[in-house]
Amino acid sequence: MQIDDYREKIDQLDNELLRIFNERAGLALKIGEIKKGLALPVYDPPERKRSSSA
């Protein structure tokens, strides 16, 4: 592989990461809207820890 090949691969990965982060941000916004409608705190560290360890 040449340097340009590696750079192209990096660009592809950057684009994929950007797409994934944007999708994640959209989901986080939806959760925030639901929590706001239920009068729940937007940030709840114990809840986040519980859901990530499941």
C-alpha atoms as a PDB file:
ATOM      1  CA  MET A   1       0.000   0.000   0.000  1.00  0.00           C
ATOM      2  CA  GLN A   2       1.027   3.531  -0.705  1.00  0.00           C
ATOM      3  CA  ILE A   3       0.548   6.580   1.515  1.00  0.00           C
ATOM      4  CA  ASP A   4      -2.417   7.716  -0.584  1.00  0.00           C
ATOM      5  CA  ASP A   5      -4.075   4.328  -0.066  1.00  0.00           C
ATOM      6  CA  TYR A   6      -3.762   4.686   3.695  1.00  0.00           C
ATOM      7  CA  ARG A   7      -5.083   8.249   3.540  1.00  0.00           C
ATOM      8  CA  GLU A   8      -8.064   7.113   1.505  1.00  0.00           C
ATOM      9  CA  LYS A   9      -8.806   4.369   4.030  1.00  0.00           C
ATOM     10  CA  ILE A  10      -8.535   6.898   6.866  1.00  0.00           C
ATOM     11  CA  ASP A  11     -10.966   9.198   5.030  1.00  0.00           C
ATOM     12  CA  GLN A  12     -13.417   6.309   4.637  1.00  0.00           C
ATOM     13  CA  LEU A  13     -13.175   5.496   8.328  1.00  0.00           C
ATOM     14  CA  ASP A  14     -13.594   9.168   9.263  1.00  0.00           C
ATOM     15  CA  ASN A  15     -16.782   9.321   7.196  1.00  0.00           C
ATOM     16  CA  GLU A  16     -18.112   6.161   8.811  1.00  0.00           C
ATOM     17  CA  LEU A  17     -17.304   7.447  12.296  1.00  0.00           C
ATOM     18  CA  LEU A  18     -19.032  10.736  11.534  1.00  0.00           C
ATOM     19  CA  ARG A  19     -22.136   8.886  10.341  1.00  0.00           C
ATOM     20  CA  ILE A  20     -22.164   6.719  13.486  1.00  0.00           C
ATOM     21  CA  PHE A  21     -21.642   9.678  15.837  1.00  0.00           C
ATOM     22  CA  ASN A  22     -24.447  11.585  14.104  1.00  0.00           C
ATOM     23  CA  GLU A  23     -26.756   8.599  14.467  1.00  0.00           C
ATOM     24  CA  ARG A  24     -25.833   8.308  18.149  1.00  0.00           C
ATOM     25  CA  ALA A  25     -26.456  12.018  18.701  1.00  0.00           C
ATOM     26  CA  GLY A  26     -29.884  11.697  17.104  1.00  0.00           C
ATOM     27  CA  LEU A  27     -30.771   8.822  19.400  1.00  0.00           C
ATOM     28  CA  ALA A  28     -29.545  10.750  22.431  1.00  0.00           C
ATOM     29  CA  LEU A  29     -31.758  13.686  21.420  1.00  0.00           C
ATOM     30  CA  LYS A  30     -34.771  11.375  21.186  1.00  0.00           C
ATOM     31  CA  ILE A  31     -34.041  10.029  24.668  1.00  0.00           C
ATOM     32  CA  GLY A  32     -33.783  13.613  25.926  1.00  0.00           C
ATOM     33  CA  GLU A  33     -37.167  14.462  24.401  1.00  0.00           C
ATOM     34  CA  ILE A  34     -38.769  11.409  26.026  1.00  0.00           C
ATOM     35  CA  LYS A  35     -37.215  12.218  29.402  1.00  0.00           C
ATOM     36  CA  LYS A  36     -38.342  15.846  29.132  1.00  0.00           C
ATOM     37  CA  GLY A  37     -41.895  14.708  28.411  1.00  0.00           C
ATOM     38  CA  LEU A  38     -41.789  12.456  31.477  1.00  0.00           C
ATOM     39  CA  ALA A  39     -40.181  15.177  33.637  1.00  0.00           C
ATOM     40  CA  LEU A  40     -37.137  12.981  34.212  1.00  0.00           C
ATOM     41  CA  PRO A  41     -33.623  14.353  34.653  1.00  0.00           C
ATOM     42  CA  VAL A  42     -31.778  14.479  31.348  1.00  0.00           C
ATOM     43  CA  TYR A  43     -28.536  13.237  32.891  1.00  0.00           C
ATOM     44  CA  ASP A  44     -28.770  10.339  35.340  1.00  0.00           C
ATOM     45  CA  PRO A  45     -25.351   8.722  35.938  1.00  0.00           C
ATOM     46  CA  PRO A  46     -26.662   5.729  37.947  1.00  0.00           C
ATOM     47  CA  GLU A  47     -29.129   4.902  35.151  1.00  0.00           C
ATOM     48  CA  ARG A  48     -26.416   5.192  32.510  1.00  0.00           C
ATOM     49  CA  LYS A  49     -24.135   2.918  34.507  1.00  0.00           C
ATOM     50  CA  ARG A  50     -26.906   0.327  34.970  1.00  0.00           C
ATOM     51  CA  SER A  51     -27.810   0.242  31.286  1.00  0.00           C
ATOM     52  CA  SER A  52     -24.203   0.022  30.080  1.00  0.00           C
ATOM     53  CA  SER A  53     -23.389  -2.934  32.340  1.00  0.00           C
ATOM     54  CA  ALA A  54     -26.386  -4.978  31.198  1.00  0.00           C
END
